PDB file of N, CA and C in Angstrom:
ATOM      1  N   MET A   1      97.409 147.982  28.409  1.00  0.00           N
ATOM      2  CA  MET A   1      98.234 147.266  27.707  1.00  0.00           C
ATOM      3  C   MET A   1      99.494 148.148  27.171  1.00  0.00           C
ATOM      4  N   LEU A   2      99.336 149.335  26.864  1.00  0.00           N
ATOM      5  CA  LEU A   2     100.388 150.098  26.303  1.00  0.00           C
ATOM      6  C   LEU A   2     101.365 150.319  27.263  1.00  0.00           C
ATOM      7  N   GLU A   3     101.229 150.803  28.436  1.00  0.00           N
ATOM      8  CA  GLU A   3     101.840 150.961  29.704  1.00  0.00           C
ATOM      9  C   GLU A   3     102.650 149.888  30.223  1.00  0.00           C
ATOM     10  N   LEU A   4     102.405 148.759  29.847  1.00  0.00           N
ATOM     11  CA  LEU A   4     102.945 147.638  30.539  1.00  0.00           C
ATOM     12  C   LEU A   4     104.045 146.905  29.378  1.00  0.00           C
ATOM     13  N   GLU A   5     103.811 147.672  28.168  1.00  0.00           N
ATOM     14  CA  GLU A   5     105.265 147.309  27.069  1.00  0.00           C
ATOM     15  C   GLU A   5     106.128 148.686  27.427  1.00  0.00           C
ATOM     16  N   ARG A   6     105.705 149.712  27.765  1.00  0.00           N
ATOM     17  CA  ARG A   6     106.653 150.551  27.869  1.00  0.00           C
ATOM     18  C   ARG A   6     107.682 150.110  28.721  1.00  0.00           C
ATOM     19  N   ILE A   7     106.887 149.500  29.937  1.00  0.00           N
ATOM     20  CA  ILE A   7     107.487 148.862  31.321  1.00  0.00           C
ATOM     21  C   ILE A   7     108.537 148.100  30.682  1.00  0.00           C
ATOM     22  N   THR A   8     107.874 147.439  30.029  1.00  0.00           N
ATOM     23  CA  THR A   8     108.696 145.982  29.907  1.00  0.00           C
ATOM     24  C   THR A   8     109.736 146.363  29.195  1.00  0.00           C
ATOM     25  N   ALA A   9     110.001 146.914  28.018  1.00  0.00           N
ATOM     26  CA  ALA A   9     110.819 147.804  27.234  1.00  0.00           C
ATOM     27  C   ALA A   9     112.229 148.496  28.234  1.00  0.00           C
ATOM     28  N   ARG A  10     111.471 149.304  29.172  1.00  0.00           N
ATOM     29  CA  ARG A  10     112.442 149.890  29.689  1.00  0.00           C
ATOM     30  C   ARG A  10     113.111 149.207  30.372  1.00  0.00           C
ATOM     31  N   ARG A  11     112.773 148.235  31.053  1.00  0.00           N
ATOM     32  CA  ARG A  11     113.334 146.985  32.203  1.00  0.00           C
ATOM     33  C   ARG A  11     114.372 146.182  31.332  1.00  0.00           C
ATOM     34  N   ASN A  12     114.109 146.022  29.991  1.00  0.00           N
ATOM     35  CA  ASN A  12     115.170 145.221  29.113  1.00  0.00           C
ATOM     36  C   ASN A  12     115.844 146.593  28.726  1.00  0.00           C
ATOM     37  N   GLU A  13     115.692 147.355  28.852  1.00  0.00           N
ATOM     38  CA  GLU A  13     117.195 148.958  28.377  1.00  0.00           C
ATOM     39  C   GLU A  13     118.107 148.607  29.482  1.00  0.00           C
ATOM     40  N   LEU A  14     117.237 148.986  31.028  1.00  0.00           N
ATOM     41  CA  LEU A  14     118.078 148.624  32.225  1.00  0.00           C
ATOM     42  C   LEU A  14     118.671 147.375  32.517  1.00  0.00           C
ATOM     43  N   ASP A  15     118.302 146.270  32.128  1.00  0.00           N
ATOM     44  CA  ASP A  15     118.925 145.164  32.121  1.00  0.00           C
ATOM     45  C   ASP A  15     120.065 144.944  31.200  1.00  0.00           C
ATOM     46  N   THR A  16     119.904 145.472  29.915  1.00  0.00           N
ATOM     47  CA  THR A  16     121.413 145.605  29.091  1.00  0.00           C
ATOM     48  C   THR A  16     122.416 146.494  29.549  1.00  0.00           C
ATOM     49  N   LEU A  17     122.117 147.740  30.092  1.00  0.00           N
ATOM     50  CA  LEU A  17     122.771 148.915  30.433  1.00  0.00           C
ATOM     51  C   LEU A  17     123.612 148.136  31.951  1.00  0.00           C
ATOM     52  N   ASP A  18     122.729 147.528  32.594  1.00  0.00           N
ATOM     53  CA  ASP A  18     123.489 146.735  33.917  1.00  0.00           C
ATOM     54  C   ASP A  18     124.401 145.966  33.460  1.00  0.00           C
ATOM     55  N   LYS A  19     124.016 144.892  32.464  1.00  0.00           N
ATOM     56  CA  LYS A  19     124.962 144.135  32.046  1.00  0.00           C
ATOM     57  C   LYS A  19     126.593 144.763  31.643  1.00  0.00           C
ATOM     58  N   GLU A  20     126.312 145.933  30.593  1.00  0.00           N
ATOM     59  CA  GLU A  20     127.194 146.670  30.108  1.00  0.00           C
ATOM     60  C   GLU A  20     128.131 147.087  31.105  1.00  0.00           C
ATOM     61  N   LEU A  21     128.090 147.706  31.791  1.00  0.00           N
ATOM     62  CA  LEU A  21     128.401 148.379  33.170  1.00  0.00           C
ATOM     63  C   LEU A  21     129.165 148.000  33.995  1.00  0.00           C
ATOM     64  N   ALA A  22     128.629 146.271  34.247  1.00  0.00           N
ATOM     65  CA  ALA A  22     129.144 145.577  34.938  1.00  0.00           C
ATOM     66  C   ALA A  22     130.285 145.330  34.229  1.00  0.00           C
ATOM     67  N   ASN A  23     130.262 144.744  32.926  1.00  0.00           N
ATOM     68  CA  ASN A  23     131.724 144.546  32.278  1.00  0.00           C
ATOM     69  C   ASN A  23     132.297 145.557  32.096  1.00  0.00           C
ATOM     70  N   GLN A  24     132.001 146.751  32.143  1.00  0.00           N
ATOM     71  CA  GLN A  24     133.330 147.738  32.014  1.00  0.00           C
ATOM     72  C   GLN A  24     133.940 147.633  33.736  1.00  0.00           C
ATOM     73  N   LEU A  25     133.070 147.720  34.909  1.00  0.00           N
ATOM     74  CA  LEU A  25     133.561 147.875  35.632  1.00  0.00           C
ATOM     75  C   LEU A  25     134.751 146.609  35.876  1.00  0.00           C
ATOM     76  N   ALA A  26     134.214 145.510  35.872  1.00  0.00           N
ATOM     77  CA  ALA A  26     135.150 144.243  35.732  1.00  0.00           C
ATOM     78  C   ALA A  26     136.817 144.804  34.987  1.00  0.00           C
ATOM     79  N   GLU A  27     136.468 145.419  33.842  1.00  0.00           N
ATOM     80  CA  GLU A  27     137.428 145.838  32.872  1.00  0.00           C
ATOM     81  C   GLU A  27     138.401 146.707  33.979  1.00  0.00           C
ATOM     82  N   VAL A  28     137.587 147.847  34.657  1.00  0.00           N
ATOM     83  CA  VAL A  28     138.298 148.816  34.969  1.00  0.00           C
ATOM     84  C   VAL A  28     139.333 148.218  36.123  1.00  0.00           C
ATOM     85  N   GLN A  29     138.711 146.930  37.257  1.00  0.00           N
ATOM     86  CA  GLN A  29     139.098 146.568  38.129  1.00  0.00           C
ATOM     87  C   GLN A  29     139.983 145.350  37.881  1.00  0.00           C
ATOM     88  N   ALA A  30     140.098 145.118  36.589  1.00  0.00           N
ATOM     89  CA  ALA A  30     141.557 144.680  35.935  1.00  0.00           C
ATOM     90  C   ALA A  30     142.567 145.210  35.614  1.00  0.00           C
ATOM     91  N   GLU A  31     142.395 146.390  35.096  1.00  0.00           N
ATOM     92  CA  GLU A  31     143.269 147.127  34.590  1.00  0.00           C
ATOM     93  C   GLU A  31     143.723 147.922  35.571  1.00  0.00           C
ATOM     94  N   ARG A  32     143.321 148.253  36.820  1.00  0.00           N
ATOM     95  CA  ARG A  32     143.949 148.428  38.234  1.00  0.00           C
ATOM     96  C   ARG A  32     144.659 147.434  38.838  1.00  0.00           C
ATOM     97  N   GLU A  33     144.094 146.345  38.759  1.00  0.00           N
ATOM     98  CA  GLU A  33     145.147 145.251  39.287  1.00  0.00           C
ATOM     99  C   GLU A  33     146.390 144.969  38.792  1.00  0.00           C
ATOM    100  N   GLU A  34     146.309 145.366  37.453  1.00  0.00           N
ATOM    101  CA  GLU A  34     147.581 145.074  36.704  1.00  0.00           C
ATOM    102  C   GLU A  34     148.739 146.415  36.558  1.00  0.00           C
ATOM    103  N   LEU A  35     148.356 147.349  36.620  1.00  0.00           N
ATOM    104  CA  LEU A  35     148.939 148.526  37.462  1.00  0.00           C
ATOM    105  C   LEU A  35     149.533 148.144  38.208  1.00  0.00           C
ATOM    106  N   VAL A  36     149.043 148.047  39.583  1.00  0.00           N
ATOM    107  CA  VAL A  36     149.412 147.550  40.979  1.00  0.00           C
ATOM    108  C   VAL A  36     150.610 146.840  40.728  1.00  0.00           C
ATOM    109  N   ILE A  37     150.099 145.562  39.924  1.00  0.00           N
ATOM    110  CA  ILE A  37     151.072 144.856  39.710  1.00  0.00           C
ATOM    111  C   ILE A  37     152.461 145.411  39.457  1.00  0.00           C
ATOM    112  N   ALA A  38     152.372 145.896  38.088  1.00  0.00           N
ATOM    113  CA  ALA A  38     153.107 146.585  37.401  1.00  0.00           C
ATOM    114  C   ALA A  38     153.736 147.305  37.893  1.00  0.00           C
ATOM    115  N   GLU A  39     153.675 148.518  38.897  1.00  0.00           N
ATOM    116  CA  GLU A  39     153.933 149.400  39.596  1.00  0.00           C
ATOM    117  C   GLU A  39     155.393 149.518  40.494  1.00  0.00           C
ATOM    118  N   PRO A  40     156.392 150.017  39.928  1.00  0.00           N
ATOM    119  CA  PRO A  40     157.496 149.586  40.573  1.00  0.00           C
ATOM    120  C   PRO A  40     157.594 149.644  42.334  1.00  0.00           C
ATOM    121  N   VAL A  41     158.080 149.025  42.989  1.00  0.00           N
ATOM    122  CA  VAL A  41     158.361 148.888  44.710  1.00  0.00           C
ATOM    123  C   VAL A  41     160.067 149.861  44.629  1.00  0.00           C
ATOM    124  N   PRO A  42     159.938 150.872  45.192  1.00  0.00           N
ATOM    125  CA  PRO A  42     161.142 151.597  46.058  1.00  0.00           C
ATOM    126  C   PRO A  42     162.157 150.746  46.873  1.00  0.00           C
ATOM    127  N   PRO A  43     163.178 150.869  46.424  1.00  0.00           N
ATOM    128  CA  PRO A  43     164.354 149.890  46.760  1.00  0.00           C
ATOM    129  C   PRO A  43     164.084 150.207  48.144  1.00  0.00           C
ATOM    130  N   PRO A  44     164.367 149.418  49.586  1.00  0.00           N
ATOM    131  CA  PRO A  44     164.334 149.729  50.868  1.00  0.00           C
ATOM    132  C   PRO A  44     165.797 150.939  50.975  1.00  0.00           C
ATOM    133  N   GLY A  45     165.412 151.718  52.382  1.00  0.00           N
ATOM    134  CA  GLY A  45     166.196 152.858  52.261  1.00  0.00           C
ATOM    135  C   GLY A  45     166.180 153.324  53.769  1.00  0.00           C
ATOM    136  N   PRO A  46     167.104 153.935  54.296  1.00  0.00           N
ATOM    137  CA  PRO A  46     166.694 154.395  55.488  1.00  0.00           C
ATOM    138  C   PRO A  46     165.594 155.265  55.590  1.00  0.00           C
ATOM    139  N   PRO A  47     165.110 155.912  56.769  1.00  0.00           N
ATOM    140  CA  PRO A  47     163.808 156.045  57.232  1.00  0.00           C
ATOM    141  C   PRO A  47     163.617 157.323  56.265  1.00  0.00           C
ATOM    142  N   SER A  48     164.814 158.385  56.796  1.00  0.00           N
ATOM    143  CA  SER A  48     164.948 159.556  56.268  1.00  0.00           C
ATOM    144  C   SER A  48     164.824 159.721  55.038  1.00  0.00           C
ATOM    145  N   GLY A  49     164.645 158.482  53.818  1.00  0.00           N
ATOM    146  CA  GLY A  49     164.515 158.635  52.808  1.00  0.00           C
ATOM    147  C   GLY A  49     165.542 159.006  51.888  1.00  0.00           C
ATOM    148  N   ARG A  50     166.707 159.349  52.493  1.00  0.00           N
ATOM    149  CA  ARG A  50     168.109 159.730  51.526  1.00  0.00           C
ATOM    150  C   ARG A  50     168.882 158.241  51.684  1.00  0.00           C
ATOM    151  N   ARG A  51     169.597 158.055  50.778  1.00  0.00           N
ATOM    152  CA  ARG A  51     170.316 156.631  50.727  1.00  0.00           C
ATOM    153  C   ARG A  51     171.755 157.079  51.161  1.00  0.00           C
ATOM    154  N   PRO A  52     172.734 155.992  51.863  1.00  0.00           N
ATOM    155  CA  PRO A  52     173.746 156.292  52.321  1.00  0.00           C
ATOM    156  C   PRO A  52     174.539 156.696  50.797  1.00  0.00           C
ATOM    157  N   GLY A  53     175.646 157.169  50.788  1.00  0.00           N
ATOM    158  CA  GLY A  53     176.929 157.606  49.441  1.00  0.00           C
ATOM    159  C   GLY A  53     177.510 158.400  49.915  1.00  0.00           C
ATOM    160  N   TRP A  54     178.226 159.071  48.773  1.00  0.00           N
ATOM    161  CA  TRP A  54     178.978 160.097  48.986  1.00  0.00           C
ATOM    162  C   TRP A  54     178.648 161.406  48.831  1.00  0.00           C
ATOM    163  N   ARG A  55     178.639 162.209  49.579  1.00  0.00           N
ATOM    164  CA  ARG A  55     178.027 163.558  49.722  1.00  0.00           C
ATOM    165  C   ARG A  55     179.293 164.649  50.105  1.00  0.00           C
ATOM    166  N   ASP A  56     179.325 165.835  49.707  1.00  0.00           N
ATOM    167  CA  ASP A  56     180.226 167.195  49.584  1.00  0.00           C
ATOM    168  C   ASP A  56     181.763 165.940  50.267  1.00  0.00           C
ATOM    169  N   GLY A  57     182.045 165.451  49.379  1.00  0.00           N
ATOM    170  CA  GLY A  57     183.520 164.370  50.251  1.00  0.00           C
ATOM    171  C   GLY A  57     183.754 163.275  50.934  1.00  0.00           C
ATOM    172  N   ARG A  58     182.474 163.319  51.483  1.00  0.00           N
ATOM    173  CA  ARG A  58     182.355 162.203  52.295  1.00  0.00           C
ATOM    174  C   ARG A  58     181.329 161.657  52.283  1.00  0.00           C
ATOM    175  N   PHE A  59     181.679 160.166  52.934  1.00  0.00           N
ATOM    176  CA  PHE A  59     180.638 159.246  53.024  1.00  0.00           C
ATOM    177  C   PHE A  59     179.589 159.323  54.152  1.00  0.00           C
ATOM    178  N   CYS A  60     178.133 159.390  53.725  1.00  0.00           N
ATOM    179  CA  CYS A  60     177.140 159.752  54.833  1.00  0.00           C
ATOM    180  C   CYS A  60     176.200 158.542  54.746  1.00  0.00           C
TER     181      CYS A  60
END
């Protein structure tokens, strides 16, 4: 009977840990989603990555 009690106690510990980890994972995923939403989007530019403007005394 002692073995059954030990197994039951361990199962309860694992169930608690499972719930805690699921909550932590949900929090991490929500924060990542917030960061994606908050991340600035670079303005569109030419494919070269350079924006048109004055350089070396002339407009490029």
